[in-house]
């Protein structure tokens, strides 16, 4: 096996890992704020891909320009989901019940997409989706590079909102102690609603890049959610920065194994790495407790 093949696998893994981190960011943010495991995250990513498909194929709007429409639309959708489903969960059994509730949301989304679009396989297309460029001996698809840059920009913006703004202080205060946050004037319900809206809004961008780099159907979210959950669990539930590190690590490892060993074993190693790491660090690489103290 040549060194150039391994190097190419590493580069591909890093670029793809950034996209997975973007898709996982909303999942880890919603858990961090509300202790809700959003099983519907995979379905929401696929919904984002379909919305980008409609804007591109039927309205002629560029994929990245279409984010101006899909991101606000997903924010509203996230607010609606929080108000309709998540807010009504009792604090004492929020985590367990959230799995059932968000799974129901995923089924609803899949059903609606199946009725509207059928079960045919789709993929997003644009000039930069179907072309590559040569850099340092590698042929890289434009969409992977653009998607990676988009992921870094949105994750940096999300980090800035959480750690450099008054709203972010309210979010972190609600994480650490809801009662104390309410006593100092933080509207915890509003903070949670906006946080879920932001978490779902970011997913719109992840869905667009996912649809441009993968073929998808209404049921594609099932495989996707298992990967996203693995990333946020490895990172430590609630850590946005950790999600980026975990995504880069796991996806790069998978790509290298596929090249060095066999694609058949790549997926197995992907999930086996999660088990190995959690055996030594049960709270993940960054740990929920550490995240919530930040």
C-alpha atoms as a PDB file:
ATOM      1  CA  UNK A   1       0.000   0.000   0.000  1.00  0.00           C
ATOM      2  CA  UNK A   2       1.547   3.306  -1.109  1.00  0.00           C
ATOM      3  CA  UNK A   3       2.066   6.229   1.243  1.00  0.00           C
ATOM      4  CA  UNK A   4       0.234   8.509  -1.197  1.00  0.00           C
ATOM      5  CA  UNK A   5      -2.924   6.368  -0.923  1.00  0.00           C
ATOM      6  CA  UNK A   6      -2.841   6.580   2.861  1.00  0.00           C
ATOM      7  CA  UNK A   7      -2.209  10.333   2.726  1.00  0.00           C
ATOM      8  CA  UNK A   8      -5.147  10.747   0.357  1.00  0.00           C
ATOM      9  CA  UNK A   9      -7.357   8.736   2.710  1.00  0.00           C
ATOM     10  CA  UNK A  10      -6.330  11.001   5.598  1.00  0.00           C
ATOM     11  CA  UNK A  11      -7.148  14.138   3.615  1.00  0.00           C
ATOM     12  CA  UNK A  12     -10.519  12.715   2.549  1.00  0.00           C
ATOM     13  CA  UNK A  13     -11.243  11.693   6.144  1.00  0.00           C
ATOM     14  CA  UNK A  14     -10.502  15.161   7.481  1.00  0.00           C
ATOM     15  CA  UNK A  15     -12.676  16.876   4.874  1.00  0.00           C
ATOM     16  CA  UNK A  16     -15.558  14.430   5.388  1.00  0.00           C
ATOM     17  CA  UNK A  17     -15.140  14.543   9.162  1.00  0.00           C
ATOM     18  CA  UNK A  18     -15.736  18.281   9.160  1.00  0.00           C
ATOM     19  CA  UNK A  19     -19.072  17.723   7.438  1.00  0.00           C
ATOM     20  CA  UNK A  20     -20.043  15.037   9.958  1.00  0.00           C
ATOM     21  CA  UNK A  21     -19.118  17.412  12.774  1.00  0.00           C
ATOM     22  CA  UNK A  22     -21.467  19.991  11.285  1.00  0.00           C
ATOM     23  CA  UNK A  23     -24.299  17.453  11.156  1.00  0.00           C
ATOM     24  CA  UNK A  24     -23.552  16.351  14.743  1.00  0.00           C
ATOM     25  CA  UNK A  25     -23.313  19.886  16.169  1.00  0.00           C
ATOM     26  CA  UNK A  26     -27.069  20.333  16.399  1.00  0.00           C
ATOM     27  CA  UNK A  27     -27.433  16.960  18.080  1.00  0.00           C
ATOM     28  CA  UNK A  28     -24.871  17.711  20.766  1.00  0.00           C
ATOM     29  CA  UNK A  29     -26.176  21.264  21.319  1.00  0.00           C
ATOM     30  CA  UNK A  30     -29.731  20.067  21.905  1.00  0.00           C
ATOM     31  CA  UNK A  31     -28.556  17.426  24.341  1.00  0.00           C
ATOM     32  CA  UNK A  32     -26.334  19.895  26.157  1.00  0.00           C
ATOM     33  CA  UNK A  33     -29.135  22.400  26.663  1.00  0.00           C
ATOM     34  CA  UNK A  34     -32.116  20.107  27.230  1.00  0.00           C
ATOM     35  CA  UNK A  35     -30.823  16.598  28.073  1.00  0.00           C
ATOM     36  CA  UNK A  36     -32.682  15.385  24.991  1.00  0.00           C
ATOM     37  CA  UNK A  37     -31.250  12.739  22.681  1.00  0.00           C
ATOM     38  CA  UNK A  38     -32.567  13.807  19.311  1.00  0.00           C
ATOM     39  CA  UNK A  39     -33.053  10.589  17.359  1.00  0.00           C
ATOM     40  CA  UNK A  40     -34.664  12.698  14.619  1.00  0.00           C
ATOM     41  CA  UNK A  41     -31.309  14.328  13.789  1.00  0.00           C
ATOM     42  CA  UNK A  42     -30.631  11.933  10.904  1.00  0.00           C
ATOM     43  CA  UNK A  43     -34.091  12.540   9.455  1.00  0.00           C
ATOM     44  CA  UNK A  44     -33.574  16.294   9.776  1.00  0.00           C
ATOM     45  CA  UNK A  45     -30.301  16.053   7.852  1.00  0.00           C
ATOM     46  CA  UNK A  46     -32.107  14.180   5.075  1.00  0.00           C
ATOM     47  CA  UNK A  47     -34.905  16.772   5.145  1.00  0.00           C
ATOM     48  CA  UNK A  48     -32.253  19.445   4.649  1.00  0.00           C
ATOM     49  CA  UNK A  49     -30.941  17.544   1.632  1.00  0.00           C
ATOM     50  CA  UNK A  50     -34.427  17.351   0.112  1.00  0.00           C
ATOM     51  CA  UNK A  51     -35.087  21.052   0.694  1.00  0.00           C
ATOM     52  CA  UNK A  52     -31.810  21.900  -1.042  1.00  0.00           C
ATOM     53  CA  UNK A  53     -32.825  19.549  -3.861  1.00  0.00           C
ATOM     54  CA  UNK A  54     -36.131  21.368  -4.352  1.00  0.00           C
ATOM     55  CA  UNK A  55     -34.460  24.783  -4.379  1.00  0.00           C
ATOM     56  CA  UNK A  56     -31.726  23.637  -6.757  1.00  0.00           C
ATOM     57  CA  UNK A  57     -33.516  21.291  -9.160  1.00  0.00           C
ATOM     58  CA  UNK A  58     -36.889  23.022  -9.355  1.00  0.00           C
ATOM     59  CA  UNK A  59     -36.127  26.689  -8.628  1.00  0.00           C
ATOM     60  CA  UNK A  60     -32.579  26.928  -9.969  1.00  0.00           C
ATOM     61  CA  UNK A  61     -31.120  28.292  -6.724  1.00  0.00           C
ATOM     62  CA  UNK A  62     -27.460  27.512  -6.012  1.00  0.00           C
ATOM     63  CA  UNK A  63     -26.927  25.005  -3.192  1.00  0.00           C
ATOM     64  CA  UNK A  64     -24.969  27.378  -0.948  1.00  0.00           C
ATOM     65  CA  UNK A  65     -27.180  30.354  -1.766  1.00  0.00           C
ATOM     66  CA  UNK A  66     -30.180  28.213  -0.868  1.00  0.00           C
ATOM     67  CA  UNK A  67     -28.910  28.056   2.722  1.00  0.00           C
ATOM     68  CA  UNK A  68     -30.183  31.612   3.120  1.00  0.00           C
ATOM     69  CA  UNK A  69     -33.641  30.069   2.855  1.00  0.00           C
ATOM     70  CA  UNK A  70     -33.189  26.655   4.466  1.00  0.00           C
ATOM     71  CA  UNK A  71     -31.324  27.750   7.604  1.00  0.00           C
ATOM     72  CA  UNK A  72     -34.036  30.211   8.764  1.00  0.00           C
ATOM     73  CA  UNK A  73     -36.722  27.686   7.780  1.00  0.00           C
ATOM     74  CA  UNK A  74     -35.030  25.020   9.885  1.00  0.00           C
ATOM     75  CA  UNK A  75     -34.731  27.441  12.798  1.00  0.00           C
ATOM     76  CA  UNK A  76     -38.497  27.895  12.732  1.00  0.00           C
ATOM     77  CA  UNK A  77     -38.937  24.130  12.437  1.00  0.00           C
ATOM     78  CA  UNK A  78     -36.687  23.594  15.448  1.00  0.00           C
ATOM     79  CA  UNK A  79     -38.656  26.100  17.514  1.00  0.00           C
ATOM     80  CA  UNK A  80     -41.899  24.365  16.501  1.00  0.00           C
ATOM     81  CA  UNK A  81     -40.517  20.937  17.462  1.00  0.00           C
ATOM     82  CA  UNK A  82     -39.351  22.209  20.845  1.00  0.00           C
ATOM     83  CA  UNK A  83     -42.672  23.889  21.606  1.00  0.00           C
ATOM     84  CA  UNK A  84     -44.812  21.014  20.329  1.00  0.00           C
ATOM     85  CA  UNK A  85     -42.903  18.005  21.647  1.00  0.00           C
ATOM     86  CA  UNK A  86     -39.827  18.645  23.773  1.00  0.00           C
ATOM     87  CA  UNK A  87     -41.191  21.259  26.177  1.00  0.00           C
ATOM     88  CA  UNK A  88     -43.881  18.905  27.390  1.00  0.00           C
ATOM     89  CA  UNK A  89     -41.430  16.254  28.599  1.00  0.00           C
ATOM     90  CA  UNK A  90     -41.084  16.001  32.365  1.00  0.00           C
ATOM     91  CA  UNK A  91     -37.662  16.807  33.812  1.00  0.00           C
ATOM     92  CA  UNK A  92     -37.319  13.523  35.711  1.00  0.00           C
ATOM     93  CA  UNK A  93     -37.699  11.270  32.655  1.00  0.00           C
ATOM     94  CA  UNK A  94     -36.694  13.719  29.921  1.00  0.00           C
ATOM     95  CA  UNK A  95     -33.798  11.671  28.493  1.00  0.00           C
ATOM     96  CA  UNK A  96     -35.697   8.379  28.181  1.00  0.00           C
ATOM     97  CA  UNK A  97     -38.883   9.919  26.817  1.00  0.00           C
ATOM     98  CA  UNK A  98     -36.972  12.124  24.377  1.00  0.00           C
ATOM     99  CA  UNK A  99     -35.809   9.019  22.499  1.00  0.00           C
ATOM    100  CA  UNK A 100     -39.400   7.935  21.885  1.00  0.00           C
ATOM    101  CA  UNK A 101     -40.662  11.418  21.042  1.00  0.00           C
ATOM    102  CA  UNK A 102     -37.877  12.308  18.619  1.00  0.00           C
ATOM    103  CA  UNK A 103     -38.108   8.862  17.012  1.00  0.00           C
ATOM    104  CA  UNK A 104     -41.764   9.660  16.320  1.00  0.00           C
ATOM    105  CA  UNK A 105     -40.662  12.971  14.769  1.00  0.00           C
ATOM    106  CA  UNK A 106     -38.217  11.043  12.556  1.00  0.00           C
ATOM    107  CA  UNK A 107     -40.996   8.678  11.410  1.00  0.00           C
ATOM    108  CA  UNK A 108     -43.235  11.644  10.571  1.00  0.00           C
ATOM    109  CA  UNK A 109     -40.490  13.326   8.532  1.00  0.00           C
ATOM    110  CA  UNK A 110     -39.675  10.108   6.689  1.00  0.00           C
ATOM    111  CA  UNK A 111     -43.339   9.491   5.922  1.00  0.00           C
ATOM    112  CA  UNK A 112     -43.887  12.985   4.543  1.00  0.00           C
ATOM    113  CA  UNK A 113     -40.752  12.772   2.378  1.00  0.00           C
ATOM    114  CA  UNK A 114     -41.781   9.344   1.065  1.00  0.00           C
ATOM    115  CA  UNK A 115     -45.214  10.601   0.064  1.00  0.00           C
ATOM    116  CA  UNK A 116     -43.847  13.689  -1.684  1.00  0.00           C
ATOM    117  CA  UNK A 117     -40.668  12.353  -3.307  1.00  0.00           C
ATOM    118  CA  UNK A 118     -41.115   8.585  -3.338  1.00  0.00           C
ATOM    119  CA  UNK A 119     -38.255   6.214  -2.573  1.00  0.00           C
ATOM    120  CA  UNK A 120     -36.032   6.913  -5.572  1.00  0.00           C
ATOM    121  CA  UNK A 121     -32.376   7.675  -4.866  1.00  0.00           C
ATOM    122  CA  UNK A 122     -31.388  11.329  -5.322  1.00  0.00           C
ATOM    123  CA  UNK A 123     -28.193  13.338  -5.121  1.00  0.00           C
ATOM    124  CA  UNK A 124     -27.566  17.058  -5.366  1.00  0.00           C
ATOM    125  CA  UNK A 125     -25.629  18.354  -8.345  1.00  0.00           C
ATOM    126  CA  UNK A 126     -23.799  21.553  -9.212  1.00  0.00           C
ATOM    127  CA  UNK A 127     -20.645  22.430 -11.126  1.00  0.00           C
ATOM    128  CA  UNK A 128     -18.544  22.277  -7.947  1.00  0.00           C
ATOM    129  CA  UNK A 129     -20.188  19.010  -6.852  1.00  0.00           C
ATOM    130  CA  UNK A 130     -19.161  17.101  -9.964  1.00  0.00           C
ATOM    131  CA  UNK A 131     -15.646  18.535 -10.438  1.00  0.00           C
ATOM    132  CA  UNK A 132     -12.260  18.287  -8.718  1.00  0.00           C
ATOM    133  CA  UNK A 133      -9.010  20.258  -8.539  1.00  0.00           C
ATOM    134  CA  UNK A 134      -5.375  19.224  -8.168  1.00  0.00           C
ATOM    135  CA  UNK A 135      -3.492  20.241  -5.021  1.00  0.00           C
ATOM    136  CA  UNK A 136      -0.156  18.892  -3.762  1.00  0.00           C
ATOM    137  CA  UNK A 137      -0.546  15.673  -5.697  1.00  0.00           C
ATOM    138  CA  UNK A 138      -4.195  15.087  -4.709  1.00  0.00           C
ATOM    139  CA  UNK A 139      -7.379  15.423  -6.721  1.00  0.00           C
ATOM    140  CA  UNK A 140      -9.936  16.882  -4.324  1.00  0.00           C
ATOM    141  CA  UNK A 141     -13.653  17.419  -4.997  1.00  0.00           C
ATOM    142  CA  UNK A 142     -14.596  21.069  -4.666  1.00  0.00           C
ATOM    143  CA  UNK A 143     -17.715  20.223  -2.661  1.00  0.00           C
ATOM    144  CA  UNK A 144     -15.726  18.477   0.072  1.00  0.00           C
ATOM    145  CA  UNK A 145     -13.431  21.469   0.483  1.00  0.00           C
ATOM    146  CA  UNK A 146     -16.319  23.953   0.391  1.00  0.00           C
ATOM    147  CA  UNK A 147     -18.275  21.791   2.831  1.00  0.00           C
ATOM    148  CA  UNK A 148     -15.322  21.604   5.216  1.00  0.00           C
ATOM    149  CA  UNK A 149     -14.880  25.382   5.145  1.00  0.00           C
ATOM    150  CA  UNK A 150     -18.619  25.862   5.704  1.00  0.00           C
ATOM    151  CA  UNK A 151     -18.454  23.476   8.671  1.00  0.00           C
ATOM    152  CA  UNK A 152     -15.570  25.384  10.260  1.00  0.00           C
ATOM    153  CA  UNK A 153     -17.310  28.733   9.760  1.00  0.00           C
ATOM    154  CA  UNK A 154     -20.632  27.599  11.232  1.00  0.00           C
ATOM    155  CA  UNK A 155     -19.029  25.719  14.133  1.00  0.00           C
ATOM    156  CA  UNK A 156     -16.896  28.787  14.940  1.00  0.00           C
ATOM    157  CA  UNK A 157     -20.016  30.970  14.824  1.00  0.00           C
ATOM    158  CA  UNK A 158     -21.829  28.517  17.088  1.00  0.00           C
ATOM    159  CA  UNK A 159     -18.913  28.519  19.528  1.00  0.00           C
ATOM    160  CA  UNK A 160     -18.859  32.336  19.513  1.00  0.00           C
ATOM    161  CA  UNK A 161     -22.588  32.508  20.271  1.00  0.00           C
ATOM    162  CA  UNK A 162     -22.255  30.084  23.184  1.00  0.00           C
ATOM    163  CA  UNK A 163     -19.104  31.490  24.782  1.00  0.00           C
ATOM    164  CA  UNK A 164     -18.921  35.150  23.793  1.00  0.00           C
ATOM    165  CA  UNK A 165     -22.505  36.444  23.968  1.00  0.00           C
ATOM    166  CA  UNK A 166     -25.073  37.223  26.656  1.00  0.00           C
ATOM    167  CA  UNK A 167     -27.363  34.579  25.214  1.00  0.00           C
ATOM    168  CA  UNK A 168     -24.573  32.022  25.418  1.00  0.00           C
ATOM    169  CA  UNK A 169     -24.033  32.825  29.083  1.00  0.00           C
ATOM    170  CA  UNK A 170     -27.724  32.205  29.631  1.00  0.00           C
ATOM    171  CA  UNK A 171     -27.432  28.861  27.865  1.00  0.00           C
ATOM    172  CA  UNK A 172     -24.472  27.766  29.960  1.00  0.00           C
ATOM    173  CA  UNK A 173     -26.111  29.037  33.126  1.00  0.00           C
ATOM    174  CA  UNK A 174     -29.207  26.984  32.342  1.00  0.00           C
ATOM    175  CA  UNK A 175     -26.985  23.957  31.808  1.00  0.00           C
ATOM    176  CA  UNK A 176     -25.287  24.233  35.172  1.00  0.00           C
ATOM    177  CA  UNK A 177     -28.247  25.130  37.360  1.00  0.00           C
ATOM    178  CA  UNK A 178     -31.729  25.911  36.016  1.00  0.00           C
ATOM    179  CA  UNK A 179     -33.044  27.262  39.336  1.00  0.00           C
ATOM    180  CA  UNK A 180     -30.097  29.615  39.824  1.00  0.00           C
ATOM    181  CA  UNK A 181     -30.382  30.816  36.215  1.00  0.00           C
ATOM    182  CA  UNK A 182     -34.070  31.622  36.713  1.00  0.00           C
ATOM    183  CA  UNK A 183     -33.286  33.515  39.924  1.00  0.00           C
ATOM    184  CA  UNK A 184     -30.929  35.864  38.083  1.00  0.00           C
ATOM    185  CA  UNK A 185     -33.494  36.555  35.379  1.00  0.00           C
ATOM    186  CA  UNK A 186     -32.724  33.995  32.668  1.00  0.00           C
ATOM    187  CA  UNK A 187     -35.815  32.872  30.792  1.00  0.00           C
ATOM    188  CA  UNK A 188     -34.875  29.206  30.657  1.00  0.00           C
ATOM    189  CA  UNK A 189     -37.797  28.169  28.445  1.00  0.00           C
ATOM    190  CA  UNK A 190     -36.908  30.781  25.850  1.00  0.00           C
ATOM    191  CA  UNK A 191     -33.218  29.852  25.999  1.00  0.00           C
ATOM    192  CA  UNK A 192     -34.098  26.220  25.376  1.00  0.00           C
ATOM    193  CA  UNK A 193     -36.449  27.059  22.525  1.00  0.00           C
ATOM    194  CA  UNK A 194     -33.873  29.239  20.750  1.00  0.00           C
ATOM    195  CA  UNK A 195     -31.121  26.681  21.375  1.00  0.00           C
ATOM    196  CA  UNK A 196     -33.137  23.908  19.732  1.00  0.00           C
ATOM    197  CA  UNK A 197     -33.908  26.279  16.862  1.00  0.00           C
ATOM    198  CA  UNK A 198     -30.190  26.955  16.381  1.00  0.00           C
ATOM    199  CA  UNK A 199     -29.348  23.263  16.651  1.00  0.00           C
ATOM    200  CA  UNK A 200     -31.843  22.363  13.946  1.00  0.00           C
ATOM    201  CA  UNK A 201     -30.877  25.376  11.789  1.00  0.00           C
ATOM    202  CA  UNK A 202     -27.257  24.233  11.627  1.00  0.00           C
ATOM    203  CA  UNK A 203     -28.522  20.851  10.463  1.00  0.00           C
ATOM    204  CA  UNK A 204     -29.861  22.456   7.269  1.00  0.00           C
ATOM    205  CA  UNK A 205     -26.300  23.219   6.171  1.00  0.00           C
ATOM    206  CA  UNK A 206     -25.168  19.725   7.074  1.00  0.00           C
ATOM    207  CA  UNK A 207     -28.041  18.278   5.086  1.00  0.00           C
ATOM    208  CA  UNK A 208     -27.106  20.238   1.996  1.00  0.00           C
ATOM    209  CA  UNK A 209     -23.497  19.051   2.062  1.00  0.00           C
ATOM    210  CA  UNK A 210     -24.602  15.500   2.879  1.00  0.00           C
ATOM    211  CA  UNK A 211     -26.943  15.480  -0.115  1.00  0.00           C
ATOM    212  CA  UNK A 212     -24.188  16.779  -2.379  1.00  0.00           C
ATOM    213  CA  UNK A 213     -21.686  14.119  -1.282  1.00  0.00           C
ATOM    214  CA  UNK A 214     -24.007  11.126  -0.840  1.00  0.00           C
ATOM    215  CA  UNK A 215     -26.989   9.568  -2.579  1.00  0.00           C
ATOM    216  CA  UNK A 216     -30.028   9.697  -0.302  1.00  0.00           C
ATOM    217  CA  UNK A 217     -33.609   8.489   0.124  1.00  0.00           C
ATOM    218  CA  UNK A 218     -36.206   9.316   2.814  1.00  0.00           C
ATOM    219  CA  UNK A 219     -34.868   6.429   4.938  1.00  0.00           C
ATOM    220  CA  UNK A 220     -31.198   7.484   4.777  1.00  0.00           C
ATOM    221  CA  UNK A 221     -31.436   9.014   8.232  1.00  0.00           C
ATOM    222  CA  UNK A 222     -31.310   5.652  10.027  1.00  0.00           C
ATOM    223  CA  UNK A 223     -27.710   4.847   9.152  1.00  0.00           C
ATOM    224  CA  UNK A 224     -26.793   8.484   9.584  1.00  0.00           C
ATOM    225  CA  UNK A 225     -28.137   8.837  13.125  1.00  0.00           C
ATOM    226  CA  UNK A 226     -26.070   5.868  14.329  1.00  0.00           C
ATOM    227  CA  UNK A 227     -22.915   7.567  13.051  1.00  0.00           C
ATOM    228  CA  UNK A 228     -23.828  10.948  14.499  1.00  0.00           C
ATOM    229  CA  UNK A 229     -24.660   9.464  17.897  1.00  0.00           C
ATOM    230  CA  UNK A 230     -21.322   7.647  17.881  1.00  0.00           C
ATOM    231  CA  UNK A 231     -19.528  10.933  17.231  1.00  0.00           C
ATOM    232  CA  UNK A 232     -21.231  12.892  20.018  1.00  0.00           C
ATOM    233  CA  UNK A 233     -20.896  10.005  22.500  1.00  0.00           C
ATOM    234  CA  UNK A 234     -17.189   9.697  21.737  1.00  0.00           C
ATOM    235  CA  UNK A 235     -16.798  13.451  22.087  1.00  0.00           C
ATOM    236  CA  UNK A 236     -18.717  13.627  25.359  1.00  0.00           C
ATOM    237  CA  UNK A 237     -22.387  14.539  25.100  1.00  0.00           C
ATOM    238  CA  UNK A 238     -22.753  18.309  24.979  1.00  0.00           C
ATOM    239  CA  UNK A 239     -19.308  19.246  23.606  1.00  0.00           C
ATOM    240  CA  UNK A 240     -19.345  21.068  20.274  1.00  0.00           C
ATOM    241  CA  UNK A 241     -15.573  21.276  19.997  1.00  0.00           C
ATOM    242  CA  UNK A 242     -15.353  17.641  21.000  1.00  0.00           C
ATOM    243  CA  UNK A 243     -17.775  16.712  18.224  1.00  0.00           C
ATOM    244  CA  UNK A 244     -15.382  18.199  15.670  1.00  0.00           C
ATOM    245  CA  UNK A 245     -12.404  16.300  17.100  1.00  0.00           C
ATOM    246  CA  UNK A 246     -14.350  13.032  17.344  1.00  0.00           C
ATOM    247  CA  UNK A 247     -15.735  13.348  13.801  1.00  0.00           C
ATOM    248  CA  UNK A 248     -12.291  13.986  12.343  1.00  0.00           C
ATOM    249  CA  UNK A 249     -10.832  11.061  14.276  1.00  0.00           C
ATOM    250  CA  UNK A 250     -13.526   8.484  13.499  1.00  0.00           C
ATOM    251  CA  UNK A 251     -14.081   9.310   9.833  1.00  0.00           C
ATOM    252  CA  UNK A 252     -10.353   9.567   9.107  1.00  0.00           C
ATOM    253  CA  UNK A 253      -9.756   6.239  10.852  1.00  0.00           C
ATOM    254  CA  UNK A 254     -12.498   4.631   8.785  1.00  0.00           C
ATOM    255  CA  UNK A 255     -11.075   5.940   5.517  1.00  0.00           C
ATOM    256  CA  UNK A 256      -7.548   4.812   6.361  1.00  0.00           C
ATOM    257  CA  UNK A 257      -8.745   1.322   7.328  1.00  0.00           C
ATOM    258  CA  UNK A 258     -10.681   1.086   4.048  1.00  0.00           C
ATOM    259  CA  UNK A 259      -7.493   1.805   2.105  1.00  0.00           C
ATOM    260  CA  UNK A 260      -4.976  -0.117   4.192  1.00  0.00           C
ATOM    261  CA  UNK A 261      -7.095  -3.117   5.124  1.00  0.00           C
ATOM    262  CA  UNK A 262     -10.509  -3.450   3.464  1.00  0.00           C
ATOM    263  CA  UNK A 263     -13.698  -1.405   3.020  1.00  0.00           C
ATOM    264  CA  UNK A 264     -15.554  -4.367   4.517  1.00  0.00           C
ATOM    265  CA  UNK A 265     -13.811  -3.810   7.865  1.00  0.00           C
ATOM    266  CA  UNK A 266     -13.928  -0.007   7.809  1.00  0.00           C
ATOM    267  CA  UNK A 267     -17.402   0.314   9.339  1.00  0.00           C
ATOM    268  CA  UNK A 268     -16.592  -2.267  12.008  1.00  0.00           C
ATOM    269  CA  UNK A 269     -13.468  -0.374  13.023  1.00  0.00           C
ATOM    270  CA  UNK A 270     -15.503   2.858  13.086  1.00  0.00           C
ATOM    271  CA  UNK A 271     -17.750   1.535  15.855  1.00  0.00           C
ATOM    272  CA  UNK A 272     -15.056  -0.584  17.531  1.00  0.00           C
ATOM    273  CA  UNK A 273     -12.997   2.571  18.093  1.00  0.00           C
ATOM    274  CA  UNK A 274     -15.938   4.008  20.012  1.00  0.00           C
ATOM    275  CA  UNK A 275     -16.026   0.970  22.307  1.00  0.00           C
ATOM    276  CA  UNK A 276     -12.272   1.087  22.894  1.00  0.00           C
ATOM    277  CA  UNK A 277     -12.212   4.772  23.789  1.00  0.00           C
ATOM    278  CA  UNK A 278     -15.252   4.532  26.080  1.00  0.00           C
ATOM    279  CA  UNK A 279     -13.640   1.588  27.875  1.00  0.00           C
ATOM    280  CA  UNK A 280     -10.937   3.971  29.097  1.00  0.00           C
ATOM    281  CA  UNK A 281     -12.956   7.208  29.158  1.00  0.00           C
ATOM    282  CA  UNK A 282     -16.627   6.392  29.897  1.00  0.00           C
ATOM    283  CA  UNK A 283     -17.629  10.067  29.624  1.00  0.00           C
ATOM    284  CA  UNK A 284     -16.062  10.417  26.193  1.00  0.00           C
ATOM    285  CA  UNK A 285     -13.002  12.362  25.117  1.00  0.00           C
ATOM    286  CA  UNK A 286     -14.185  15.605  26.682  1.00  0.00           C
ATOM    287  CA  UNK A 287     -16.838  14.402  29.117  1.00  0.00           C
ATOM    288  CA  UNK A 288     -20.245  15.917  29.805  1.00  0.00           C
ATOM    289  CA  UNK A 289     -19.339  17.104  33.291  1.00  0.00           C
ATOM    290  CA  UNK A 290     -16.297  18.969  32.013  1.00  0.00           C
ATOM    291  CA  UNK A 291     -18.286  20.558  29.210  1.00  0.00           C
ATOM    292  CA  UNK A 292     -20.976  21.850  31.472  1.00  0.00           C
ATOM    293  CA  UNK A 293     -18.473  23.506  33.720  1.00  0.00           C
ATOM    294  CA  UNK A 294     -16.989  25.558  30.888  1.00  0.00           C
END
